[in-house]
Full PDB file with SEQRES, HELIX, SHEET, SSBOND, CRYST1, ORIGX, SCALE, CONECT and MASTER records, all heavy atoms in Angstrom:
SEQRES   1 A   46  ASN THR LEU LEU LEU GLU MET ASN SER LEU LYS PRO GLU          
SEQRES   2 A   46  ASP THR ALA ILE TYR TYR CYS ALA ALA ASP HIS GLY GLY          
SEQRES   3 A   46  PRO ALA LEU ARG GLY VAL ARG LEU CYS PRO LEU THR ILE          
SEQRES   4 A   46  GLY GLY SER TYR ARG VAL TRP                                  
HELIX    1 AA1 PRO A   12  ASP A   14  5                                   3    
CRYST1    1.000    1.000    1.000  90.00  90.00  90.00 P 1           1          
ORIGX1      1.000000  0.000000  0.000000        0.00000                         
ORIGX2      0.000000  1.000000  0.000000        0.00000                         
ORIGX3      0.000000  0.000000  1.000000        0.00000                         
SCALE1      1.000000  0.000000  0.000000        0.00000                         
SCALE2      0.000000  1.000000  0.000000        0.00000                         
SCALE3      0.000000  0.000000  1.000000        0.00000                         
ATOM      1  N   ASN A   1     -12.987   1.252   5.845  1.00  0.00           N  
ATOM      2  CA  ASN A   1     -12.096   1.991   4.922  1.00  0.00           C  
ATOM      3  C   ASN A   1     -10.745   2.127   5.505  1.00  0.00           C  
ATOM      4  O   ASN A   1     -10.136   3.180   5.373  1.00  0.00           O  
ATOM      5  CB  ASN A   1     -12.750   3.352   4.574  1.00  0.00           C  
ATOM      6  CG  ASN A   1     -14.096   3.155   4.008  1.00  0.00           C  
ATOM      7  OD1 ASN A   1     -14.396   2.331   3.190  1.00  0.00           O  
ATOM      8  ND2 ASN A   1     -15.045   4.077   4.503  1.00  0.00           N  
ATOM      9  N   THR A   2     -10.179   1.111   6.059  1.00  0.00           N  
ATOM     10  CA  THR A   2      -8.932   1.179   6.848  1.00  0.00           C  
ATOM     11  C   THR A   2      -7.932   0.073   6.357  1.00  0.00           C  
ATOM     12  O   THR A   2      -8.323  -1.008   6.202  1.00  0.00           O  
ATOM     13  CB  THR A   2      -9.195   1.070   8.345  1.00  0.00           C  
ATOM     14  OG1 THR A   2     -10.058   2.113   8.721  1.00  0.00           O  
ATOM     15  CG2 THR A   2      -7.901   1.152   9.081  1.00  0.00           C  
ATOM     16  N   LEU A   3      -6.701   0.520   6.219  1.00  0.00           N  
ATOM     17  CA  LEU A   3      -5.612  -0.388   5.930  1.00  0.00           C  
ATOM     18  C   LEU A   3      -4.766  -0.553   7.213  1.00  0.00           C  
ATOM     19  O   LEU A   3      -4.408   0.462   7.838  1.00  0.00           O  
ATOM     20  CB  LEU A   3      -4.763   0.140   4.835  1.00  0.00           C  
ATOM     21  CG  LEU A   3      -3.614  -0.727   4.298  1.00  0.00           C  
ATOM     22  CD1 LEU A   3      -4.154  -1.946   3.536  1.00  0.00           C  
ATOM     23  CD2 LEU A   3      -2.675   0.065   3.435  1.00  0.00           C  
ATOM     24  N   LEU A   4      -4.466  -1.760   7.607  1.00  0.00           N  
ATOM     25  CA  LEU A   4      -3.727  -2.010   8.828  1.00  0.00           C  
ATOM     26  C   LEU A   4      -2.365  -2.669   8.506  1.00  0.00           C  
ATOM     27  O   LEU A   4      -2.215  -3.361   7.457  1.00  0.00           O  
ATOM     28  CB  LEU A   4      -4.541  -2.977   9.712  1.00  0.00           C  
ATOM     29  CG  LEU A   4      -5.987  -2.528  10.101  1.00  0.00           C  
ATOM     30  CD1 LEU A   4      -6.658  -3.633  10.872  1.00  0.00           C  
ATOM     31  CD2 LEU A   4      -5.930  -1.239  10.817  1.00  0.00           C  
ATOM     32  N   LEU A   5      -1.460  -2.418   9.346  1.00  0.00           N  
ATOM     33  CA  LEU A   5      -0.111  -3.046   9.293  1.00  0.00           C  
ATOM     34  C   LEU A   5       0.292  -3.445  10.676  1.00  0.00           C  
ATOM     35  O   LEU A   5       0.535  -2.582  11.544  1.00  0.00           O  
ATOM     36  CB  LEU A   5       0.883  -2.062   8.695  1.00  0.00           C  
ATOM     37  CG  LEU A   5       2.324  -2.647   8.461  1.00  0.00           C  
ATOM     38  CD1 LEU A   5       2.255  -3.794   7.371  1.00  0.00           C  
ATOM     39  CD2 LEU A   5       3.314  -1.586   8.035  1.00  0.00           C  
ATOM     40  N   GLU A   6       0.388  -4.756  10.932  1.00  0.00           N  
ATOM     41  CA  GLU A   6       0.875  -5.317  12.163  1.00  0.00           C  
ATOM     42  C   GLU A   6       2.337  -5.578  12.055  1.00  0.00           C  
ATOM     43  O   GLU A   6       2.708  -6.407  11.235  1.00  0.00           O  
ATOM     44  CB  GLU A   6       0.080  -6.527  12.561  1.00  0.00           C  
ATOM     45  CG  GLU A   6      -1.403  -6.386  12.706  1.00  0.00           C  
ATOM     46  CD  GLU A   6      -2.189  -7.615  12.994  1.00  0.00           C  
ATOM     47  OE1 GLU A   6      -1.610  -8.449  13.701  1.00  0.00           O  
ATOM     48  OE2 GLU A   6      -3.273  -7.808  12.551  1.00  0.00           O  
ATOM     49  N   MET A   7       3.170  -4.929  12.881  1.00  0.00           N  
ATOM     50  CA  MET A   7       4.609  -5.108  12.838  1.00  0.00           C  
ATOM     51  C   MET A   7       5.118  -5.813  14.030  1.00  0.00           C  
ATOM     52  O   MET A   7       4.820  -5.346  15.167  1.00  0.00           O  
ATOM     53  CB  MET A   7       5.294  -3.763  12.671  1.00  0.00           C  
ATOM     54  CG  MET A   7       4.761  -2.981  11.426  1.00  0.00           C  
ATOM     55  SD  MET A   7       5.655  -1.377  11.211  1.00  0.00           S  
ATOM     56  CE  MET A   7       5.103  -0.507  12.677  1.00  0.00           C  
ATOM     57  N   ASN A   8       5.780  -6.921  13.900  1.00  0.00           N  
ATOM     58  CA  ASN A   8       6.325  -7.682  14.979  1.00  0.00           C  
ATOM     59  C   ASN A   8       7.821  -7.910  14.785  1.00  0.00           C  
ATOM     60  O   ASN A   8       8.364  -7.711  13.686  1.00  0.00           O  
ATOM     61  CB  ASN A   8       5.629  -9.094  15.021  1.00  0.00           C  
ATOM     62  CG  ASN A   8       4.173  -8.971  15.304  1.00  0.00           C  
ATOM     63  OD1 ASN A   8       3.675  -8.333  16.222  1.00  0.00           O  
ATOM     64  ND2 ASN A   8       3.384  -9.611  14.367  1.00  0.00           N  
ATOM     65  N   SER A   9       8.513  -8.284  15.850  1.00  0.00           N  
ATOM     66  CA  SER A   9       9.968  -8.524  15.844  1.00  0.00           C  
ATOM     67  C   SER A   9      10.666  -7.345  15.166  1.00  0.00           C  
ATOM     68  O   SER A   9      11.537  -7.544  14.305  1.00  0.00           O  
ATOM     69  CB  SER A   9      10.252  -9.838  15.087  1.00  0.00           C  
ATOM     70  OG  SER A   9       9.576 -10.905  15.668  1.00  0.00           O  
ATOM     71  N   LEU A  10      10.353  -6.168  15.616  1.00  0.00           N  
ATOM     72  CA  LEU A  10      10.865  -5.000  14.976  1.00  0.00           C  
ATOM     73  C   LEU A  10      12.393  -4.833  15.235  1.00  0.00           C  
ATOM     74  O   LEU A  10      12.935  -5.222  16.267  1.00  0.00           O  
ATOM     75  CB  LEU A  10      10.187  -3.695  15.520  1.00  0.00           C  
ATOM     76  CG  LEU A  10       8.798  -3.510  14.960  1.00  0.00           C  
ATOM     77  CD1 LEU A  10       8.031  -2.547  15.780  1.00  0.00           C  
ATOM     78  CD2 LEU A  10       8.847  -3.045  13.523  1.00  0.00           C  
ATOM     79  N   LYS A  11      13.059  -4.281  14.205  1.00  0.00           N  
ATOM     80  CA  LYS A  11      14.519  -4.100  14.166  1.00  0.00           C  
ATOM     81  C   LYS A  11      14.845  -2.610  13.982  1.00  0.00           C  
ATOM     82  O   LYS A  11      14.023  -1.900  13.451  1.00  0.00           O  
ATOM     83  CB  LYS A  11      15.155  -4.906  13.084  1.00  0.00           C  
ATOM     84  CG  LYS A  11      14.800  -6.385  13.040  1.00  0.00           C  
ATOM     85  CD  LYS A  11      15.410  -7.017  11.773  1.00  0.00           C  
ATOM     86  CE  LYS A  11      15.035  -8.475  11.710  1.00  0.00           C  
ATOM     87  NZ  LYS A  11      15.589  -9.098  10.447  1.00  0.00           N  
ATOM     88  N   PRO A  12      16.068  -2.187  14.442  1.00  0.00           N  
ATOM     89  CA  PRO A  12      16.384  -0.835  14.137  1.00  0.00           C  
ATOM     90  C   PRO A  12      16.308  -0.421  12.711  1.00  0.00           C  
ATOM     91  O   PRO A  12      16.018   0.749  12.357  1.00  0.00           O  
ATOM     92  CB  PRO A  12      17.805  -0.727  14.686  1.00  0.00           C  
ATOM     93  CG  PRO A  12      17.904  -1.771  15.793  1.00  0.00           C  
ATOM     94  CD  PRO A  12      17.021  -2.871  15.231  1.00  0.00           C  
ATOM     95  N   GLU A  13      16.542  -1.368  11.835  1.00  0.00           N  
ATOM     96  CA  GLU A  13      16.462  -1.154  10.378  1.00  0.00           C  
ATOM     97  C   GLU A  13      15.005  -0.783   9.917  1.00  0.00           C  
ATOM     98  O   GLU A  13      14.892  -0.253   8.813  1.00  0.00           O  
ATOM     99  CB  GLU A  13      16.973  -2.325   9.557  1.00  0.00           C  
ATOM    100  CG  GLU A  13      18.461  -2.585   9.749  1.00  0.00           C  
ATOM    101  CD  GLU A  13      18.748  -3.405  11.055  1.00  0.00           C  
ATOM    102  OE1 GLU A  13      17.885  -3.680  11.871  1.00  0.00           O  
ATOM    103  OE2 GLU A  13      19.991  -3.766  11.242  1.00  0.00           O  
ATOM    104  N   ASP A  14      14.072  -1.057  10.776  1.00  0.00           N  
ATOM    105  CA  ASP A  14      12.664  -0.716  10.428  1.00  0.00           C  
ATOM    106  C   ASP A  14      12.344   0.742  10.704  1.00  0.00           C  
ATOM    107  O   ASP A  14      11.302   1.231  10.366  1.00  0.00           O  
ATOM    108  CB  ASP A  14      11.706  -1.673  11.189  1.00  0.00           C  
ATOM    109  CG  ASP A  14      11.835  -3.076  10.813  1.00  0.00           C  
ATOM    110  OD1 ASP A  14      11.930  -3.339   9.590  1.00  0.00           O  
ATOM    111  OD2 ASP A  14      11.781  -3.898  11.732  1.00  0.00           O  
ATOM    112  N   THR A  15      13.242   1.435  11.391  1.00  0.00           N  
ATOM    113  CA  THR A  15      13.030   2.881  11.701  1.00  0.00           C  
ATOM    114  C   THR A  15      12.905   3.617  10.397  1.00  0.00           C  
ATOM    115  O   THR A  15      13.742   3.626   9.558  1.00  0.00           O  
ATOM    116  CB  THR A  15      14.183   3.398  12.520  1.00  0.00           C  
ATOM    117  OG1 THR A  15      14.209   2.733  13.818  1.00  0.00           O  
ATOM    118  CG2 THR A  15      13.989   4.910  12.778  1.00  0.00           C  
ATOM    119  N   ALA A  16      11.789   4.322  10.312  1.00  0.00           N  
ATOM    120  CA  ALA A  16      11.512   5.161   9.095  1.00  0.00           C  
ATOM    121  C   ALA A  16      10.170   5.857   9.232  1.00  0.00           C  
ATOM    122  O   ALA A  16       9.440   5.668  10.183  1.00  0.00           O  
ATOM    123  CB  ALA A  16      11.389   4.207   7.805  1.00  0.00           C  
ATOM    124  N   ILE A  17       9.897   6.701   8.282  1.00  0.00           N  
ATOM    125  CA  ILE A  17       8.570   7.301   8.164  1.00  0.00           C  
ATOM    126  C   ILE A  17       7.739   6.358   7.295  1.00  0.00           C  
ATOM    127  O   ILE A  17       8.144   6.033   6.137  1.00  0.00           O  
ATOM    128  CB  ILE A  17       8.576   8.718   7.565  1.00  0.00           C  
ATOM    129  CG1 ILE A  17       9.421   9.671   8.443  1.00  0.00           C  
ATOM    130  CG2 ILE A  17       7.158   9.280   7.426  1.00  0.00           C  
ATOM    131  CD1 ILE A  17       9.561  11.016   7.873  1.00  0.00           C  
ATOM    132  N   TYR A  18       6.620   5.953   7.765  1.00  0.00           N  
ATOM    133  CA  TYR A  18       5.780   4.982   7.043  1.00  0.00           C  
ATOM    134  C   TYR A  18       4.637   5.718   6.398  1.00  0.00           C  
ATOM    135  O   TYR A  18       3.900   6.504   6.999  1.00  0.00           O  
ATOM    136  CB  TYR A  18       5.247   3.892   7.978  1.00  0.00           C  
ATOM    137  CG  TYR A  18       6.287   2.859   8.297  1.00  0.00           C  
ATOM    138  CD1 TYR A  18       7.364   3.172   9.130  1.00  0.00           C  
ATOM    139  CD2 TYR A  18       6.185   1.541   7.818  1.00  0.00           C  
ATOM    140  CE1 TYR A  18       8.307   2.232   9.406  1.00  0.00           C  
ATOM    141  CE2 TYR A  18       7.166   0.612   8.122  1.00  0.00           C  
ATOM    142  CZ  TYR A  18       8.256   0.929   8.880  1.00  0.00           C  
ATOM    143  OH  TYR A  18       9.181   0.005   9.157  1.00  0.00           O  
ATOM    144  N   TYR A  19       4.405   5.490   5.103  1.00  0.00           N  
ATOM    145  CA  TYR A  19       3.402   6.194   4.338  1.00  0.00           C  
ATOM    146  C   TYR A  19       2.368   5.180   3.792  1.00  0.00           C  
ATOM    147  O   TYR A  19       2.700   4.101   3.331  1.00  0.00           O  
ATOM    148  CB  TYR A  19       3.976   6.911   3.097  1.00  0.00           C  
ATOM    149  CG  TYR A  19       4.925   7.989   3.479  1.00  0.00           C  
ATOM    150  CD1 TYR A  19       6.288   7.737   3.576  1.00  0.00           C  
ATOM    151  CD2 TYR A  19       4.508   9.299   3.634  1.00  0.00           C  
ATOM    152  CE1 TYR A  19       7.209   8.794   3.942  1.00  0.00           C  
ATOM    153  CE2 TYR A  19       5.387  10.329   3.949  1.00  0.00           C  
ATOM    154  CZ  TYR A  19       6.718  10.110   4.085  1.00  0.00           C  
ATOM    155  OH  TYR A  19       7.584  11.072   4.363  1.00  0.00           O  
ATOM    156  N   CYS A  20       1.136   5.567   3.881  1.00  0.00           N  
ATOM    157  CA  CYS A  20       0.012   4.803   3.242  1.00  0.00           C  
ATOM    158  C   CYS A  20      -0.191   5.337   1.862  1.00  0.00           C  
ATOM    159  O   CYS A  20      -0.141   6.592   1.601  1.00  0.00           O  
ATOM    160  CB  CYS A  20      -1.235   4.960   4.109  1.00  0.00           C  
ATOM    161  SG  CYS A  20      -2.669   4.110   3.430  1.00  0.00           S  
ATOM    162  N   ALA A  21      -0.473   4.497   0.900  1.00  0.00           N  
ATOM    163  CA  ALA A  21      -0.710   4.867  -0.490  1.00  0.00           C  
ATOM    164  C   ALA A  21      -1.877   4.104  -1.094  1.00  0.00           C  
ATOM    165  O   ALA A  21      -2.116   2.931  -0.670  1.00  0.00           O  
ATOM    166  CB  ALA A  21       0.530   4.619  -1.328  1.00  0.00           C  
ATOM    167  N   ALA A  22      -2.567   4.711  -2.126  1.00  0.00           N  
ATOM    168  CA  ALA A  22      -3.676   4.042  -2.746  1.00  0.00           C  
ATOM    169  C   ALA A  22      -3.876   4.656  -4.149  1.00  0.00           C  
ATOM    170  O   ALA A  22      -3.405   5.693  -4.480  1.00  0.00           O  
ATOM    171  CB  ALA A  22      -4.982   4.305  -1.933  1.00  0.00           C  
ATOM    172  N   ASP A  23      -4.497   3.817  -4.983  1.00  0.00           N  
ATOM    173  CA  ASP A  23      -4.891   4.332  -6.294  1.00  0.00           C  
ATOM    174  C   ASP A  23      -6.255   4.827  -6.217  1.00  0.00           C  
ATOM    175  O   ASP A  23      -6.942   4.887  -5.154  1.00  0.00           O  
ATOM    176  CB  ASP A  23      -4.742   3.252  -7.356  1.00  0.00           C  
ATOM    177  CG  ASP A  23      -5.637   2.028  -7.153  1.00  0.00           C  
ATOM    178  OD1 ASP A  23      -6.654   2.152  -6.391  1.00  0.00           O  
ATOM    179  OD2 ASP A  23      -5.399   0.962  -7.776  1.00  0.00           O  
ATOM    180  N   HIS A  24      -6.879   5.282  -7.352  1.00  0.00           N  
ATOM    181  CA  HIS A  24      -8.149   5.886  -7.383  1.00  0.00           C  
ATOM    182  C   HIS A  24      -9.345   4.956  -7.544  1.00  0.00           C  
ATOM    183  O   HIS A  24     -10.522   5.392  -7.567  1.00  0.00           O  
ATOM    184  CB  HIS A  24      -8.154   7.020  -8.437  1.00  0.00           C  
ATOM    185  CG  HIS A  24      -7.400   8.241  -8.145  1.00  0.00           C  
ATOM    186  ND1 HIS A  24      -7.763   9.109  -7.148  1.00  0.00           N  
ATOM    187  CD2 HIS A  24      -6.229   8.715  -8.654  1.00  0.00           C  
ATOM    188  CE1 HIS A  24      -6.926  10.074  -7.045  1.00  0.00           C  
ATOM    189  NE2 HIS A  24      -5.999   9.847  -7.941  1.00  0.00           N  
ATOM    190  N   GLY A  25      -9.071   3.689  -7.726  1.00  0.00           N  
ATOM    191  CA  GLY A  25     -10.104   2.767  -7.977  1.00  0.00           C  
ATOM    192  C   GLY A  25     -10.859   2.965  -9.247  1.00  0.00           C  
ATOM    193  O   GLY A  25     -10.378   3.578 -10.163  1.00  0.00           O  
ATOM    194  N   GLY A  26     -12.097   2.453  -9.278  1.00  0.00           N  
ATOM    195  CA  GLY A  26     -12.931   2.622 -10.493  1.00  0.00           C  
ATOM    196  C   GLY A  26     -14.070   1.576 -10.451  1.00  0.00           C  
ATOM    197  O   GLY A  26     -14.448   1.149  -9.416  1.00  0.00           O  
ATOM    198  N   PRO A  27     -14.526   1.209 -11.665  1.00  0.00           N  
ATOM    199  CA  PRO A  27     -15.610   0.259 -11.760  1.00  0.00           C  
ATOM    200  C   PRO A  27     -15.230  -1.105 -11.131  1.00  0.00           C  
ATOM    201  O   PRO A  27     -14.045  -1.427 -11.003  1.00  0.00           O  
ATOM    202  CB  PRO A  27     -15.801   0.037 -13.254  1.00  0.00           C  
ATOM    203  CG  PRO A  27     -15.287   1.300 -13.889  1.00  0.00           C  
ATOM    204  CD  PRO A  27     -14.069   1.722 -12.963  1.00  0.00           C  
ATOM    205  N   ALA A  28     -16.237  -1.830 -10.692  1.00  0.00           N  
ATOM    206  CA  ALA A  28     -16.067  -3.101 -10.064  1.00  0.00           C  
ATOM    207  C   ALA A  28     -15.246  -4.033 -10.954  1.00  0.00           C  
ATOM    208  O   ALA A  28     -15.500  -4.098 -12.141  1.00  0.00           O  
ATOM    209  CB  ALA A  28     -17.348  -3.734  -9.659  1.00  0.00           C  
ATOM    210  N   LEU A  29     -14.269  -4.709 -10.367  1.00  0.00           N  
ATOM    211  CA  LEU A  29     -13.431  -5.616 -11.147  1.00  0.00           C  
ATOM    212  C   LEU A  29     -14.100  -6.967 -11.276  1.00  0.00           C  
ATOM    213  O   LEU A  29     -14.820  -7.457 -10.352  1.00  0.00           O  
ATOM    214  CB  LEU A  29     -12.111  -5.769 -10.428  1.00  0.00           C  
ATOM    215  CG  LEU A  29     -11.256  -4.523 -10.324  1.00  0.00           C  
ATOM    216  CD1 LEU A  29      -9.997  -4.890  -9.444  1.00  0.00           C  
ATOM    217  CD2 LEU A  29     -10.776  -4.081 -11.662  1.00  0.00           C  
ATOM    218  N   ARG A  30     -13.889  -7.638 -12.363  1.00  0.00           N  
ATOM    219  CA  ARG A  30     -14.347  -9.034 -12.577  1.00  0.00           C  
ATOM    220  C   ARG A  30     -13.263 -10.027 -12.253  1.00  0.00           C  
ATOM    221  O   ARG A  30     -13.583 -11.231 -12.053  1.00  0.00           O  
ATOM    222  CB  ARG A  30     -14.819  -9.239 -14.030  1.00  0.00           C  
ATOM    223  CG  ARG A  30     -15.947  -8.255 -14.419  1.00  0.00           C  
ATOM    224  CD  ARG A  30     -16.435  -8.594 -15.866  1.00  0.00           C  
ATOM    225  NE  ARG A  30     -17.130  -9.887 -15.889  1.00  0.00           N  
ATOM    226  CZ  ARG A  30     -17.643 -10.387 -16.987  1.00  0.00           C  
ATOM    227  NH1 ARG A  30     -17.592  -9.714 -18.129  1.00  0.00           N  
ATOM    228  NH2 ARG A  30     -18.273 -11.558 -16.932  1.00  0.00           N  
ATOM    229  N   GLY A  31     -12.047  -9.564 -12.139  1.00  0.00           N  
ATOM    230  CA  GLY A  31     -10.921 -10.390 -11.734  1.00  0.00           C  
ATOM    231  C   GLY A  31     -10.131  -9.688 -10.671  1.00  0.00           C  
ATOM    232  O   GLY A  31     -10.558  -8.722 -10.093  1.00  0.00           O  
ATOM    233  N   VAL A  32      -8.928 -10.199 -10.434  1.00  0.00           N  
ATOM    234  CA  VAL A  32      -8.056  -9.711  -9.411  1.00  0.00           C  
ATOM    235  C   VAL A  32      -7.083  -8.697  -9.984  1.00  0.00           C  
ATOM    236  O   VAL A  32      -6.424  -8.939 -11.017  1.00  0.00           O  
ATOM    237  CB  VAL A  32      -7.294 -10.809  -8.720  1.00  0.00           C  
ATOM    238  CG1 VAL A  32      -6.304 -10.244  -7.696  1.00  0.00           C  
ATOM    239  CG2 VAL A  32      -8.245 -11.789  -8.063  1.00  0.00           C  
ATOM    240  N   ARG A  33      -6.960  -7.550  -9.317  1.00  0.00           N  
ATOM    241  CA  ARG A  33      -6.007  -6.525  -9.689  1.00  0.00           C  
ATOM    242  C   ARG A  33      -4.754  -6.730  -8.825  1.00  0.00           C  
ATOM    243  O   ARG A  33      -4.953  -6.510  -7.573  1.00  0.00           O  
ATOM    244  CB  ARG A  33      -6.593  -5.129  -9.596  1.00  0.00           C  
ATOM    245  CG  ARG A  33      -5.577  -3.982  -9.814  1.00  0.00           C  
ATOM    246  CD  ARG A  33      -5.123  -3.915 -11.243  1.00  0.00           C  
ATOM    247  NE  ARG A  33      -6.210  -3.707 -12.156  1.00  0.00           N  
ATOM    248  CZ  ARG A  33      -6.811  -2.562 -12.472  1.00  0.00           C  
ATOM    249  NH1 ARG A  33      -6.310  -1.430 -11.873  1.00  0.00           N  
ATOM    250  NH2 ARG A  33      -7.807  -2.469 -13.258  1.00  0.00           N  
ATOM    251  N   LEU A  34      -3.646  -7.040  -9.363  1.00  0.00           N  
ATOM    252  CA  LEU A  34      -2.404  -7.188  -8.595  1.00  0.00           C  
ATOM    253  C   LEU A  34      -1.801  -5.824  -8.374  1.00  0.00           C  
ATOM    254  O   LEU A  34      -1.844  -4.923  -9.212  1.00  0.00           O  
ATOM    255  CB  LEU A  34      -1.425  -8.078  -9.343  1.00  0.00           C  
ATOM    256  CG  LEU A  34      -1.863  -9.548  -9.575  1.00  0.00           C  
ATOM    257  CD1 LEU A  34      -0.805 -10.271 -10.274  1.00  0.00           C  
ATOM    258  CD2 LEU A  34      -2.264 -10.218  -8.332  1.00  0.00           C  
ATOM    259  N   CYS A  35      -1.253  -5.639  -7.199  1.00  0.00           N  
ATOM    260  CA  CYS A  35      -0.745  -4.337  -6.683  1.00  0.00           C  
ATOM    261  C   CYS A  35       0.718  -4.423  -6.310  1.00  0.00           C  
ATOM    262  O   CYS A  35       1.040  -4.651  -5.102  1.00  0.00           O  
ATOM    263  CB  CYS A  35      -1.580  -3.852  -5.583  1.00  0.00           C  
ATOM    264  SG  CYS A  35      -3.339  -3.801  -5.814  1.00  0.00           S  
ATOM    265  N   PRO A  36       1.651  -4.259  -7.281  1.00  0.00           N  
ATOM    266  CA  PRO A  36       3.043  -4.304  -6.954  1.00  0.00           C  
ATOM    267  C   PRO A  36       3.518  -3.116  -6.119  1.00  0.00           C  
ATOM    268  O   PRO A  36       2.883  -2.105  -6.127  1.00  0.00           O  
ATOM    269  CB  PRO A  36       3.706  -4.343  -8.310  1.00  0.00           C  
ATOM    270  CG  PRO A  36       2.750  -3.609  -9.207  1.00  0.00           C  
ATOM    271  CD  PRO A  36       1.375  -3.980  -8.655  1.00  0.00           C  
ATOM    272  N   LEU A  37       4.638  -3.309  -5.493  1.00  0.00           N  
ATOM    273  CA  LEU A  37       5.196  -2.204  -4.653  1.00  0.00           C  
ATOM    274  C   LEU A  37       6.170  -1.366  -5.478  1.00  0.00           C  
ATOM    275  O   LEU A  37       7.383  -1.358  -5.299  1.00  0.00           O  
ATOM    276  CB  LEU A  37       5.949  -2.838  -3.503  1.00  0.00           C  
ATOM    277  CG  LEU A  37       5.105  -3.494  -2.411  1.00  0.00           C  
ATOM    278  CD1 LEU A  37       5.913  -4.299  -1.399  1.00  0.00           C  
ATOM    279  CD2 LEU A  37       4.263  -2.401  -1.710  1.00  0.00           C  
ATOM    280  N   THR A  38       5.571  -0.645  -6.429  1.00  0.00           N  
ATOM    281  CA  THR A  38       6.314   0.274  -7.294  1.00  0.00           C  
ATOM    282  C   THR A  38       5.803   1.679  -7.112  1.00  0.00           C  
ATOM    283  O   THR A  38       4.604   1.974  -7.297  1.00  0.00           O  
ATOM    284  CB  THR A  38       6.171  -0.141  -8.783  1.00  0.00           C  
ATOM    285  OG1 THR A  38       4.765  -0.199  -9.120  1.00  0.00           O  
ATOM    286  CG2 THR A  38       6.782  -1.481  -9.000  1.00  0.00           C  
ATOM    287  N   ILE A  39       6.710   2.562  -6.699  1.00  0.00           N  
ATOM    288  CA  ILE A  39       6.334   3.943  -6.408  1.00  0.00           C  
ATOM    289  C   ILE A  39       5.774   4.639  -7.653  1.00  0.00           C  
ATOM    290  O   ILE A  39       4.863   5.433  -7.551  1.00  0.00           O  
ATOM    291  CB  ILE A  39       7.528   4.744  -5.855  1.00  0.00           C  
ATOM    292  CG1 ILE A  39       7.971   4.079  -4.565  1.00  0.00           C  
ATOM    293  CG2 ILE A  39       7.175   6.193  -5.660  1.00  0.00           C  
ATOM    294  CD1 ILE A  39       9.245   4.740  -3.923  1.00  0.00           C  
ATOM    295  N   GLY A  40       6.340   4.326  -8.814  1.00  0.00           N  
ATOM    296  CA  GLY A  40       5.893   4.997 -10.042  1.00  0.00           C  
ATOM    297  C   GLY A  40       4.713   4.332 -10.657  1.00  0.00           C  
ATOM    298  O   GLY A  40       4.381   4.632 -11.863  1.00  0.00           O  
ATOM    299  N   GLY A  41       4.023   3.474  -9.975  1.00  0.00           N  
ATOM    300  CA  GLY A  41       2.879   2.698 -10.529  1.00  0.00           C  
ATOM    301  C   GLY A  41       1.612   3.459 -10.304  1.00  0.00           C  
ATOM    302  O   GLY A  41       1.466   4.638 -10.553  1.00  0.00           O  
ATOM    303  N   SER A  42       0.569   2.705  -9.919  1.00  0.00           N  
ATOM    304  CA  SER A  42      -0.810   3.281  -9.800  1.00  0.00           C  
ATOM    305  C   SER A  42      -1.067   4.069  -8.524  1.00  0.00           C  
ATOM    306  O   SER A  42      -2.116   4.706  -8.449  1.00  0.00           O  
ATOM    307  CB  SER A  42      -1.812   2.119  -9.868  1.00  0.00           C  
ATOM    308  OG  SER A  42      -1.652   1.192  -8.845  1.00  0.00           O  
ATOM    309  N   TYR A  43      -0.174   4.078  -7.632  1.00  0.00           N  
ATOM    310  CA  TYR A  43      -0.442   4.770  -6.362  1.00  0.00           C  
ATOM    311  C   TYR A  43      -0.331   6.313  -6.567  1.00  0.00           C  
ATOM    312  O   TYR A  43       0.726   6.892  -6.856  1.00  0.00           O  
ATOM    313  CB  TYR A  43       0.625   4.377  -5.259  1.00  0.00           C  
ATOM    314  CG  TYR A  43       0.563   2.890  -5.034  1.00  0.00           C  
ATOM    315  CD1 TYR A  43       1.539   2.085  -5.513  1.00  0.00           C  
ATOM    316  CD2 TYR A  43      -0.514   2.329  -4.373  1.00  0.00           C  
ATOM    317  CE1 TYR A  43       1.582   0.748  -5.302  1.00  0.00           C  
ATOM    318  CE2 TYR A  43      -0.521   0.956  -4.172  1.00  0.00           C  
ATOM    319  CZ  TYR A  43       0.492   0.127  -4.636  1.00  0.00           C  
ATOM    320  OH  TYR A  43       0.504  -1.211  -4.439  1.00  0.00           O  
ATOM    321  N   ARG A  44      -1.484   6.979  -6.456  1.00  0.00           N  
ATOM    322  CA  ARG A  44      -1.618   8.390  -6.746  1.00  0.00           C  
ATOM    323  C   ARG A  44      -1.976   9.214  -5.480  1.00  0.00           C  
ATOM    324  O   ARG A  44      -1.814  10.466  -5.549  1.00  0.00           O  
ATOM    325  CB  ARG A  44      -2.632   8.654  -7.843  1.00  0.00           C  
ATOM    326  CG  ARG A  44      -2.375   7.869  -9.144  1.00  0.00           C  
ATOM    327  CD  ARG A  44      -1.063   8.292  -9.792  1.00  0.00           C  
ATOM    328  NE  ARG A  44      -1.088   9.630 -10.230  1.00  0.00           N  
ATOM    329  CZ  ARG A  44      -0.012  10.260 -10.685  1.00  0.00           C  
ATOM    330  NH1 ARG A  44       1.126   9.658 -10.821  1.00  0.00           N  
ATOM    331  NH2 ARG A  44      -0.144  11.542 -11.146  1.00  0.00           N  
ATOM    332  N   VAL A  45      -2.417   8.592  -4.435  1.00  0.00           N  
ATOM    333  CA  VAL A  45      -2.803   9.263  -3.202  1.00  0.00           C  
ATOM    334  C   VAL A  45      -1.921   8.746  -2.068  1.00  0.00           C  
ATOM    335  O   VAL A  45      -1.703   7.574  -1.905  1.00  0.00           O  
ATOM    336  CB  VAL A  45      -4.283   9.012  -2.861  1.00  0.00           C  
ATOM    337  CG1 VAL A  45      -4.651   9.837  -1.673  1.00  0.00           C  
ATOM    338  CG2 VAL A  45      -5.151   9.417  -4.039  1.00  0.00           C  
ATOM    339  N   TRP A  46      -1.366   9.756  -1.340  1.00  0.00           N  
ATOM    340  CA  TRP A  46      -0.438   9.409  -0.281  1.00  0.00           C  
ATOM    341  C   TRP A  46      -0.793  10.093   1.028  1.00  0.00           C  
ATOM    342  O   TRP A  46      -1.328  11.260   1.007  1.00  0.00           O  
ATOM    343  CB  TRP A  46       0.969   9.818  -0.607  1.00  0.00           C  
ATOM    344  CG  TRP A  46       1.546   9.109  -1.758  1.00  0.00           C  
ATOM    345  CD1 TRP A  46       1.309   9.366  -3.148  1.00  0.00           C  
ATOM    346  CD2 TRP A  46       2.460   7.986  -1.808  1.00  0.00           C  
ATOM    347  NE1 TRP A  46       2.007   8.417  -3.915  1.00  0.00           N  
ATOM    348  CE2 TRP A  46       2.685   7.601  -3.113  1.00  0.00           C  
ATOM    349  CE3 TRP A  46       3.089   7.268  -0.752  1.00  0.00           C  
ATOM    350  CZ2 TRP A  46       3.564   6.590  -3.427  1.00  0.00           C  
ATOM    351  CZ3 TRP A  46       3.919   6.239  -1.036  1.00  0.00           C  
ATOM    352  CH2 TRP A  46       4.171   5.858  -2.392  1.00  0.00           C  
TER     353      TRP A  46                                                      
MASTER        0    0    0    1    0    0    0    6  352    1    0    4          
END                                                                             
């Protein structure tokens, strides 16, 4: 139940507070759910 982020060749511009986000899930999917990087989207848990 873990999300990983491997960061290489780090730059000063990468300095920030990093947040993990997730949606609430639901019934098993029959296809692929695409997950865009939109703050106002499905991410409800931070």
